[in-house]
Amino acid sequence: MHWLFLLLALAAMAVALKTASVALMVVCLLVSLALFVAWIMGWYAARIGSSSRDESQMIDPMELRRLREIAEARKAGLQPPVEPPAQS
């Protein structure tokens, strides 16, 4: 959807460059600027949205505590506690 804003901004810029009316040129340039800003915001939102973490992959506090206990046991030279991995 945000690519549509870019195409419309370019079309408004083309109209502004081809027109002989100063008022129409100013309006088209302002519309082009607004559409270009809308395109940048949409592109940024899509890029951030695609790189955000999947919440289902985040570690819950109980799993984090279990992993810390295993790491401390390995550091102390002991066997890690035998627990099945948590199912999410």
PDB file of N, CA and C in Angstrom:
ATOM      1  N   MET A   1       0.827  -1.190   0.000  1.00  0.00           N
ATOM      2  CA  MET A   1       0.000   0.000   0.000  1.00  0.00           C
ATOM      3  C   MET A   1       0.870   1.251   0.000  1.00  0.00           C
ATOM      4  N   HIS A   2       1.990   1.228   0.733  1.00  0.00           N
ATOM      5  CA  HIS A   2       2.790   2.438   0.821  1.00  0.00           C
ATOM      6  C   HIS A   2       3.463   2.776  -0.511  1.00  0.00           C
ATOM      7  N   TRP A   3       3.617   1.778  -1.398  1.00  0.00           N
ATOM      8  CA  TRP A   3       4.207   2.066  -2.709  1.00  0.00           C
ATOM      9  C   TRP A   3       3.252   2.900  -3.566  1.00  0.00           C
ATOM     10  N   LEU A   4       1.974   2.797  -3.290  1.00  0.00           N
ATOM     11  CA  LEU A   4       0.988   3.606  -3.994  1.00  0.00           C
ATOM     12  C   LEU A   4       1.201   5.096  -3.695  1.00  0.00           C
ATOM     13  N   PHE A   5       1.579   5.398  -2.450  1.00  0.00           N
ATOM     14  CA  PHE A   5       1.867   6.792  -2.091  1.00  0.00           C
ATOM     15  C   PHE A   5       3.032   7.336  -2.913  1.00  0.00           C
ATOM     16  N   LEU A   6       4.056   6.508  -3.132  1.00  0.00           N
ATOM     17  CA  LEU A   6       5.205   6.955  -3.916  1.00  0.00           C
ATOM     18  C   LEU A   6       4.793   7.229  -5.360  1.00  0.00           C
ATOM     19  N   LEU A   7       3.998   6.340  -5.924  1.00  0.00           N
ATOM     20  CA  LEU A   7       3.546   6.547  -7.302  1.00  0.00           C
ATOM     21  C   LEU A   7       2.696   7.812  -7.425  1.00  0.00           C
ATOM     22  N   LEU A   8       1.820   8.029  -6.478  1.00  0.00           N
ATOM     23  CA  LEU A   8       0.993   9.239  -6.505  1.00  0.00           C
ATOM     24  C   LEU A   8       1.841  10.495  -6.300  1.00  0.00           C
ATOM     25  N   ALA A   9       2.861  10.416  -5.453  1.00  0.00           N
ATOM     26  CA  ALA A   9       3.754  11.563  -5.253  1.00  0.00           C
ATOM     27  C   ALA A   9       4.503  11.895  -6.535  1.00  0.00           C
ATOM     28  N   LEU A  10       4.958  10.864  -7.240  1.00  0.00           N
ATOM     29  CA  LEU A  10       5.645  11.101  -8.510  1.00  0.00           C
ATOM     30  C   LEU A  10       4.703  11.682  -9.562  1.00  0.00           C
ATOM     31  N   ALA A  11       3.453  11.214  -9.571  1.00  0.00           N
ATOM     32  CA  ALA A  11       2.474  11.757 -10.507  1.00  0.00           C
ATOM     33  C   ALA A  11       2.174  13.227 -10.188  1.00  0.00           C
ATOM     34  N   ALA A  12       2.058  13.560  -8.911  1.00  0.00           N
ATOM     35  CA  ALA A  12       1.815  14.957  -8.531  1.00  0.00           C
ATOM     36  C   ALA A  12       3.014  15.827  -8.894  1.00  0.00           C
ATOM     37  N   MET A  13       4.213  15.275  -8.749  1.00  0.00           N
ATOM     38  CA  MET A  13       5.422  16.017  -9.130  1.00  0.00           C
ATOM     39  C   MET A  13       5.451  16.255 -10.646  1.00  0.00           C
ATOM     40  N   ALA A  14       5.039  15.263 -11.407  1.00  0.00           N
ATOM     41  CA  ALA A  14       5.008  15.414 -12.867  1.00  0.00           C
ATOM     42  C   ALA A  14       3.999  16.480 -13.276  1.00  0.00           C
ATOM     43  N   VAL A  15       2.838  16.495 -12.631  1.00  0.00           N
ATOM     44  CA  VAL A  15       1.837  17.517 -12.934  1.00  0.00           C
ATOM     45  C   VAL A  15       2.377  18.890 -12.572  1.00  0.00           C
ATOM     46  N   ALA A  16       3.088  18.983 -11.440  1.00  0.00           N
ATOM     47  CA  ALA A  16       3.644  20.278 -11.029  1.00  0.00           C
ATOM     48  C   ALA A  16       4.690  20.773 -12.023  1.00  0.00           C
ATOM     49  N   LEU A  17       5.451  19.874 -12.597  1.00  0.00           N
ATOM     50  CA  LEU A  17       6.473  20.282 -13.555  1.00  0.00           C
ATOM     51  C   LEU A  17       5.888  20.657 -14.916  1.00  0.00           C
ATOM     52  N   LYS A  18       4.751  20.090 -15.288  1.00  0.00           N
ATOM     53  CA  LYS A  18       4.163  20.325 -16.613  1.00  0.00           C
ATOM     54  C   LYS A  18       3.178  21.486 -16.648  1.00  0.00           C
ATOM     55  N   THR A  19       2.687  21.928 -15.510  1.00  0.00           N
ATOM     56  CA  THR A  19       1.647  22.947 -15.510  1.00  0.00           C
ATOM     57  C   THR A  19       2.227  24.351 -15.717  1.00  0.00           C
ATOM     58  N   ALA A  20       1.384  25.232 -16.214  1.00  0.00           N
ATOM     59  CA  ALA A  20       1.778  26.627 -16.406  1.00  0.00           C
ATOM     60  C   ALA A  20       1.222  27.508 -15.293  1.00  0.00           C
ATOM     61  N   SER A  21       0.303  26.962 -14.503  1.00  0.00           N
ATOM     62  CA  SER A  21      -0.323  27.721 -13.425  1.00  0.00           C
ATOM     63  C   SER A  21       0.522  27.622 -12.152  1.00  0.00           C
ATOM     64  N   VAL A  22       0.832  28.752 -11.579  1.00  0.00           N
ATOM     65  CA  VAL A  22       1.650  28.785 -10.362  1.00  0.00           C
ATOM     66  C   VAL A  22       0.877  28.201  -9.176  1.00  0.00           C
ATOM     67  N   ALA A  23      -0.394  28.525  -9.082  1.00  0.00           N
ATOM     68  CA  ALA A  23      -1.205  28.023  -7.966  1.00  0.00           C
ATOM     69  C   ALA A  23      -1.305  26.499  -8.009  1.00  0.00           C
ATOM     70  N   LEU A  24      -1.558  25.953  -9.213  1.00  0.00           N
ATOM     71  CA  LEU A  24      -1.639  24.503  -9.353  1.00  0.00           C
ATOM     72  C   LEU A  24      -0.289  23.854  -9.060  1.00  0.00           C
ATOM     73  N   MET A  25       0.791  24.515  -9.457  1.00  0.00           N
ATOM     74  CA  MET A  25       2.123  23.974  -9.202  1.00  0.00           C
ATOM     75  C   MET A  25       2.388  23.900  -7.698  1.00  0.00           C
ATOM     76  N   VAL A  26       2.028  24.938  -6.956  1.00  0.00           N
ATOM     77  CA  VAL A  26       2.240  24.946  -5.501  1.00  0.00           C
ATOM     78  C   VAL A  26       1.408  23.864  -4.840  1.00  0.00           C
ATOM     79  N   VAL A  27       0.162  23.725  -5.248  1.00  0.00           N
ATOM     80  CA  VAL A  27      -0.704  22.691  -4.678  1.00  0.00           C
ATOM     81  C   VAL A  27      -0.142  21.309  -4.978  1.00  0.00           C
ATOM     82  N   CYS A  28       0.279  21.085  -6.204  1.00  0.00           N
ATOM     83  CA  CYS A  28       0.823  19.776  -6.572  1.00  0.00           C
ATOM     84  C   CYS A  28       2.125  19.470  -5.833  1.00  0.00           C
ATOM     85  N   LEU A  29       2.957  20.477  -5.634  1.00  0.00           N
ATOM     86  CA  LEU A  29       4.196  20.258  -4.878  1.00  0.00           C
ATOM     87  C   LEU A  29       3.910  19.926  -3.417  1.00  0.00           C
ATOM     88  N   LEU A  30       2.922  20.596  -2.825  1.00  0.00           N
ATOM     89  CA  LEU A  30       2.550  20.290  -1.442  1.00  0.00           C
ATOM     90  C   LEU A  30       1.948  18.888  -1.325  1.00  0.00           C
ATOM     91  N   VAL A  31       1.109  18.535  -2.283  1.00  0.00           N
ATOM     92  CA  VAL A  31       0.534  17.183  -2.294  1.00  0.00           C
ATOM     93  C   VAL A  31       1.628  16.141  -2.489  1.00  0.00           C
ATOM     94  N   SER A  32       2.557  16.429  -3.367  1.00  0.00           N
ATOM     95  CA  SER A  32       3.666  15.513  -3.601  1.00  0.00           C
ATOM     96  C   SER A  32       4.510  15.330  -2.345  1.00  0.00           C
ATOM     97  N   LEU A  33       4.770  16.421  -1.642  1.00  0.00           N
ATOM     98  CA  LEU A  33       5.537  16.337  -0.400  1.00  0.00           C
ATOM     99  C   LEU A  33       4.803  15.516   0.645  1.00  0.00           C
ATOM    100  N   ALA A  34       3.499  15.754   0.791  1.00  0.00           N
ATOM    101  CA  ALA A  34       2.708  15.001   1.767  1.00  0.00           C
ATOM    102  C   ALA A  34       2.679  13.517   1.420  1.00  0.00           C
ATOM    103  N   LEU A  35       2.512  13.188   0.153  1.00  0.00           N
ATOM    104  CA  LEU A  35       2.486  11.788  -0.251  1.00  0.00           C
ATOM    105  C   LEU A  35       3.854  11.131  -0.088  1.00  0.00           C
ATOM    106  N   PHE A  36       4.907  11.877  -0.319  1.00  0.00           N
ATOM    107  CA  PHE A  36       6.247  11.337  -0.127  1.00  0.00           C
ATOM    108  C   PHE A  36       6.497  11.041   1.346  1.00  0.00           C
ATOM    109  N   VAL A  37       6.066  11.932   2.228  1.00  0.00           N
ATOM    110  CA  VAL A  37       6.202  11.689   3.673  1.00  0.00           C
ATOM    111  C   VAL A  37       5.359  10.482   4.084  1.00  0.00           C
ATOM    112  N   ALA A  38       4.162  10.347   3.531  1.00  0.00           N
ATOM    113  CA  ALA A  38       3.319   9.187   3.828  1.00  0.00           C
ATOM    114  C   ALA A  38       3.985   7.903   3.347  1.00  0.00           C
ATOM    115  N   TRP A  39       4.653   7.960   2.189  1.00  0.00           N
ATOM    116  CA  TRP A  39       5.369   6.790   1.686  1.00  0.00           C
ATOM    117  C   TRP A  39       6.521   6.413   2.617  1.00  0.00           C
ATOM    118  N   ILE A  40       7.291   7.395   3.063  1.00  0.00           N
ATOM    119  CA  ILE A  40       8.403   7.123   3.972  1.00  0.00           C
ATOM    120  C   ILE A  40       7.894   6.507   5.271  1.00  0.00           C
ATOM    121  N   MET A  41       6.823   7.043   5.816  1.00  0.00           N
ATOM    122  CA  MET A  41       6.279   6.505   7.067  1.00  0.00           C
ATOM    123  C   MET A  41       5.757   5.082   6.874  1.00  0.00           C
ATOM    124  N   GLY A  42       5.085   4.822   5.766  1.00  0.00           N
ATOM    125  CA  GLY A  42       4.598   3.473   5.490  1.00  0.00           C
ATOM    126  C   GLY A  42       5.731   2.497   5.261  1.00  0.00           C
ATOM    127  N   TRP A  43       6.755   2.919   4.558  1.00  0.00           N
ATOM    128  CA  TRP A  43       7.917   2.068   4.309  1.00  0.00           C
ATOM    129  C   TRP A  43       8.626   1.743   5.617  1.00  0.00           C
ATOM    130  N   TYR A  44       8.779   2.751   6.471  1.00  0.00           N
ATOM    131  CA  TYR A  44       9.427   2.550   7.761  1.00  0.00           C
ATOM    132  C   TYR A  44       8.607   1.603   8.633  1.00  0.00           C
ATOM    133  N   ALA A  45       7.304   1.779   8.670  1.00  0.00           N
ATOM    134  CA  ALA A  45       6.442   0.906   9.468  1.00  0.00           C
ATOM    135  C   ALA A  45       6.501  -0.532   8.966  1.00  0.00           C
ATOM    136  N   ALA A  46       6.518  -0.716   7.655  1.00  0.00           N
ATOM    137  CA  ALA A  46       6.600  -2.065   7.105  1.00  0.00           C
ATOM    138  C   ALA A  46       7.950  -2.703   7.413  1.00  0.00           C
ATOM    139  N   ARG A  47       9.003  -1.914   7.354  1.00  0.00           N
ATOM    140  CA  ARG A  47      10.346  -2.445   7.618  1.00  0.00           C
ATOM    141  C   ARG A  47      10.505  -2.821   9.085  1.00  0.00           C
ATOM    142  N   ILE A  48      10.025  -1.991   9.977  1.00  0.00           N
ATOM    143  CA  ILE A  48      10.107  -2.288  11.408  1.00  0.00           C
ATOM    144  C   ILE A  48       9.202  -3.470  11.744  1.00  0.00           C
ATOM    145  N   GLY A  49       8.034  -3.521  11.146  1.00  0.00           N
ATOM    146  CA  GLY A  49       7.112  -4.627  11.407  1.00  0.00           C
ATOM    147  C   GLY A  49       7.650  -5.961  10.947  1.00  0.00           C
ATOM    148  N   SER A  50       8.408  -5.973   9.866  1.00  0.00           N
ATOM    149  CA  SER A  50       8.946  -7.242   9.372  1.00  0.00           C
ATOM    150  C   SER A  50      10.141  -7.719  10.175  1.00  0.00           C
ATOM    151  N   SER A  51      10.799  -6.823  10.892  1.00  0.00           N
ATOM    152  CA  SER A  51      11.982  -7.232  11.650  1.00  0.00           C
ATOM    153  C   SER A  51      11.702  -7.383  13.136  1.00  0.00           C
ATOM    154  N   SER A  52      10.463  -7.219  13.554  1.00  0.00           N
ATOM    155  CA  SER A  52      10.161  -7.371  14.976  1.00  0.00           C
ATOM    156  C   SER A  52      10.154  -8.848  15.358  1.00  0.00           C
ATOM    157  N   ARG A  53      10.386  -9.097  16.624  1.00  0.00           N
ATOM    158  CA  ARG A  53      10.466 -10.465  17.121  1.00  0.00           C
ATOM    159  C   ARG A  53       9.098 -11.134  17.139  1.00  0.00           C
ATOM    160  N   ASP A  54       9.154 -12.431  16.992  1.00  0.00           N
ATOM    161  CA  ASP A  54       7.944 -13.227  17.159  1.00  0.00           C
ATOM    162  C   ASP A  54       7.750 -13.435  18.655  1.00  0.00           C
ATOM    163  N   GLU A  55       6.628 -12.998  19.187  1.00  0.00           N
ATOM    164  CA  GLU A  55       6.405 -13.067  20.625  1.00  0.00           C
ATOM    165  C   GLU A  55       6.335 -14.488  21.135  1.00  0.00           C
ATOM    166  N   SER A  56       6.010 -15.431  20.282  1.00  0.00           N
ATOM    167  CA  SER A  56       5.951 -16.815  20.733  1.00  0.00           C
ATOM    168  C   SER A  56       7.339 -17.397  20.974  1.00  0.00           C
ATOM    169  N   GLN A  57       8.382 -16.760  20.453  1.00  0.00           N
ATOM    170  CA  GLN A  57       9.744 -17.238  20.638  1.00  0.00           C
ATOM    171  C   GLN A  57      10.427 -16.649  21.874  1.00  0.00           C
ATOM    172  N   MET A  58       9.769 -15.739  22.570  1.00  0.00           N
ATOM    173  CA  MET A  58      10.369 -15.121  23.746  1.00  0.00           C
ATOM    174  C   MET A  58      10.370 -16.109  24.910  1.00  0.00           C
ATOM    175  N   ILE A  59      11.378 -15.994  25.756  1.00  0.00           N
ATOM    176  CA  ILE A  59      11.534 -16.908  26.894  1.00  0.00           C
ATOM    177  C   ILE A  59      10.730 -16.373  28.063  1.00  0.00           C
ATOM    178  N   ASP A  60       9.932 -17.251  28.667  1.00  0.00           N
ATOM    179  CA  ASP A  60       9.177 -16.838  29.842  1.00  0.00           C
ATOM    180  C   ASP A  60      10.087 -16.895  31.077  1.00  0.00           C
ATOM    181  N   PRO A  61       9.705 -16.262  32.182  1.00  0.00           N
ATOM    182  CA  PRO A  61      10.573 -16.203  33.362  1.00  0.00           C
ATOM    183  C   PRO A  61      10.939 -17.569  33.939  1.00  0.00           C
ATOM    184  N   MET A  62      10.020 -18.524  33.898  1.00  0.00           N
ATOM    185  CA  MET A  62      10.317 -19.860  34.437  1.00  0.00           C
ATOM    186  C   MET A  62      11.388 -20.561  33.603  1.00  0.00           C
ATOM    187  N   GLU A  63      11.289 -20.456  32.297  1.00  0.00           N
ATOM    188  CA  GLU A  63      12.288 -21.060  31.426  1.00  0.00           C
ATOM    189  C   GLU A  63      13.642 -20.372  31.592  1.00  0.00           C
ATOM    190  N   LEU A  64      13.643 -19.069  31.762  1.00  0.00           N
ATOM    191  CA  LEU A  64      14.887 -18.333  31.979  1.00  0.00           C
ATOM    192  C   LEU A  64      15.539 -18.749  33.300  1.00  0.00           C
ATOM    193  N   ARG A  65      14.736 -18.933  34.338  1.00  0.00           N
ATOM    194  CA  ARG A  65      15.266 -19.395  35.626  1.00  0.00           C
ATOM    195  C   ARG A  65      15.870 -20.778  35.490  1.00  0.00           C
ATOM    196  N   ARG A  66      15.198 -21.675  34.763  1.00  0.00           N
ATOM    197  CA  ARG A  66      15.704 -23.031  34.561  1.00  0.00           C
ATOM    198  C   ARG A  66      17.033 -23.010  33.799  1.00  0.00           C
ATOM    199  N   LEU A  67      17.124 -22.169  32.780  1.00  0.00           N
ATOM    200  CA  LEU A  67      18.370 -22.071  32.029  1.00  0.00           C
ATOM    201  C   LEU A  67      19.509 -21.505  32.881  1.00  0.00           C
ATOM    202  N   ARG A  68      19.193 -20.561  33.759  1.00  0.00           N
ATOM    203  CA  ARG A  68      20.220 -20.024  34.660  1.00  0.00           C
ATOM    204  C   ARG A  68      20.701 -21.096  35.631  1.00  0.00           C
ATOM    205  N   GLU A  69      19.774 -21.902  36.145  1.00  0.00           N
ATOM    206  CA  GLU A  69      20.165 -22.983  37.051  1.00  0.00           C
ATOM    207  C   GLU A  69      21.072 -23.986  36.345  1.00  0.00           C
ATOM    208  N   ILE A  70      20.765 -24.295  35.115  1.00  0.00           N
ATOM    209  CA  ILE A  70      21.608 -25.224  34.351  1.00  0.00           C
ATOM    210  C   ILE A  70      22.990 -24.624  34.128  1.00  0.00           C
ATOM    211  N   ALA A  71      23.049 -23.347  33.804  1.00  0.00           N
ATOM    212  CA  ALA A  71      24.341 -22.685  33.586  1.00  0.00           C
ATOM    213  C   ALA A  71      25.154 -22.633  34.879  1.00  0.00           C
ATOM    214  N   GLU A  72      24.511 -22.341  36.002  1.00  0.00           N
ATOM    215  CA  GLU A  72      25.219 -22.321  37.283  1.00  0.00           C
ATOM    216  C   GLU A  72      25.718 -23.713  37.655  1.00  0.00           C
ATOM    217  N   ALA A  73      24.921 -24.731  37.360  1.00  0.00           N
ATOM    218  CA  ALA A  73      25.343 -26.103  37.659  1.00  0.00           C
ATOM    219  C   ALA A  73      26.537 -26.494  36.794  1.00  0.00           C
ATOM    220  N   ARG A  74      26.553 -26.100  35.552  1.00  0.00           N
ATOM    221  CA  ARG A  74      27.694 -26.399  34.686  1.00  0.00           C
ATOM    222  C   ARG A  74      28.939 -25.662  35.160  1.00  0.00           C
ATOM    223  N   LYS A  75      28.740 -24.421  35.601  1.00  0.00           N
ATOM    224  CA  LYS A  75      29.867 -23.631  36.084  1.00  0.00           C
ATOM    225  C   LYS A  75      30.463 -24.257  37.349  1.00  0.00           C
ATOM    226  N   ALA A  76      29.616 -24.817  38.196  1.00  0.00           N
ATOM    227  CA  ALA A  76      30.072 -25.439  39.441  1.00  0.00           C
ATOM    228  C   ALA A  76      30.604 -26.843  39.202  1.00  0.00           C
ATOM    229  N   GLY A  77      30.457 -27.356  38.003  1.00  0.00           N
ATOM    230  CA  GLY A  77      30.945 -28.694  37.688  1.00  0.00           C
ATOM    231  C   GLY A  77      29.962 -29.790  38.015  1.00  0.00           C
ATOM    232  N   LEU A  78      28.754 -29.458  38.321  1.00  0.00           N
ATOM    233  CA  LEU A  78      27.718 -30.441  38.640  1.00  0.00           C
ATOM    234  C   LEU A  78      26.930 -30.788  37.390  1.00  0.00           C
ATOM    235  N   GLN A  79      26.207 -31.863  37.480  1.00  0.00           N
ATOM    236  CA  GLN A  79      25.318 -32.245  36.389  1.00  0.00           C
ATOM    237  C   GLN A  79      24.106 -31.327  36.402  1.00  0.00           C
ATOM    238  N   PRO A  80      23.612 -30.954  35.256  1.00  0.00           N
ATOM    239  CA  PRO A  80      22.414 -30.106  35.220  1.00  0.00           C
ATOM    240  C   PRO A  80      21.209 -30.884  35.724  1.00  0.00           C
ATOM    241  N   PRO A  81      20.275 -30.197  36.358  1.00  0.00           N
ATOM    242  CA  PRO A  81      19.073 -30.891  36.820  1.00  0.00           C
ATOM    243  C   PRO A  81      18.300 -31.473  35.638  1.00  0.00           C
ATOM    244  N   VAL A  82      17.761 -32.645  35.876  1.00  0.00           N
ATOM    245  CA  VAL A  82      17.035 -33.335  34.802  1.00  0.00           C
ATOM    246  C   VAL A  82      15.585 -32.849  34.804  1.00  0.00           C
ATOM    247  N   GLU A  83      15.279 -32.012  33.823  1.00  0.00           N
ATOM    248  CA  GLU A  83      13.915 -31.515  33.621  1.00  0.00           C
ATOM    249  C   GLU A  83      13.634 -31.530  32.137  1.00  0.00           C
ATOM    250  N   PRO A  84      12.461 -31.909  31.762  1.00  0.00           N
ATOM    251  CA  PRO A  84      12.135 -31.840  30.333  1.00  0.00           C
ATOM    252  C   PRO A  84      12.026 -30.385  29.909  1.00  0.00           C
ATOM    253  N   PRO A  85      12.355 -30.087  28.663  1.00  0.00           N
ATOM    254  CA  PRO A  85      12.224 -28.702  28.205  1.00  0.00           C
ATOM    255  C   PRO A  85      10.770 -28.265  28.235  1.00  0.00           C
ATOM    256  N   ALA A  86      10.575 -27.013  28.542  1.00  0.00           N
ATOM    257  CA  ALA A  86       9.216 -26.467  28.609  1.00  0.00           C
ATOM    258  C   ALA A  86       8.614 -26.398  27.223  1.00  0.00           C
ATOM    259  N   GLN A  87       7.376 -26.790  27.115  1.00  0.00           N
ATOM    260  CA  GLN A  87       6.644 -26.748  25.843  1.00  0.00           C
ATOM    261  C   GLN A  87       5.876 -25.440  25.771  1.00  0.00           C
ATOM    262  N   SER A  88       6.082 -24.688  24.688  1.00  0.00           N
ATOM    263  CA  SER A  88       5.352 -23.425  24.530  1.00  0.00           C
ATOM    264  C   SER A  88       4.271 -23.571  23.516  1.00  0.00           C
TER     265      SER A  88
END
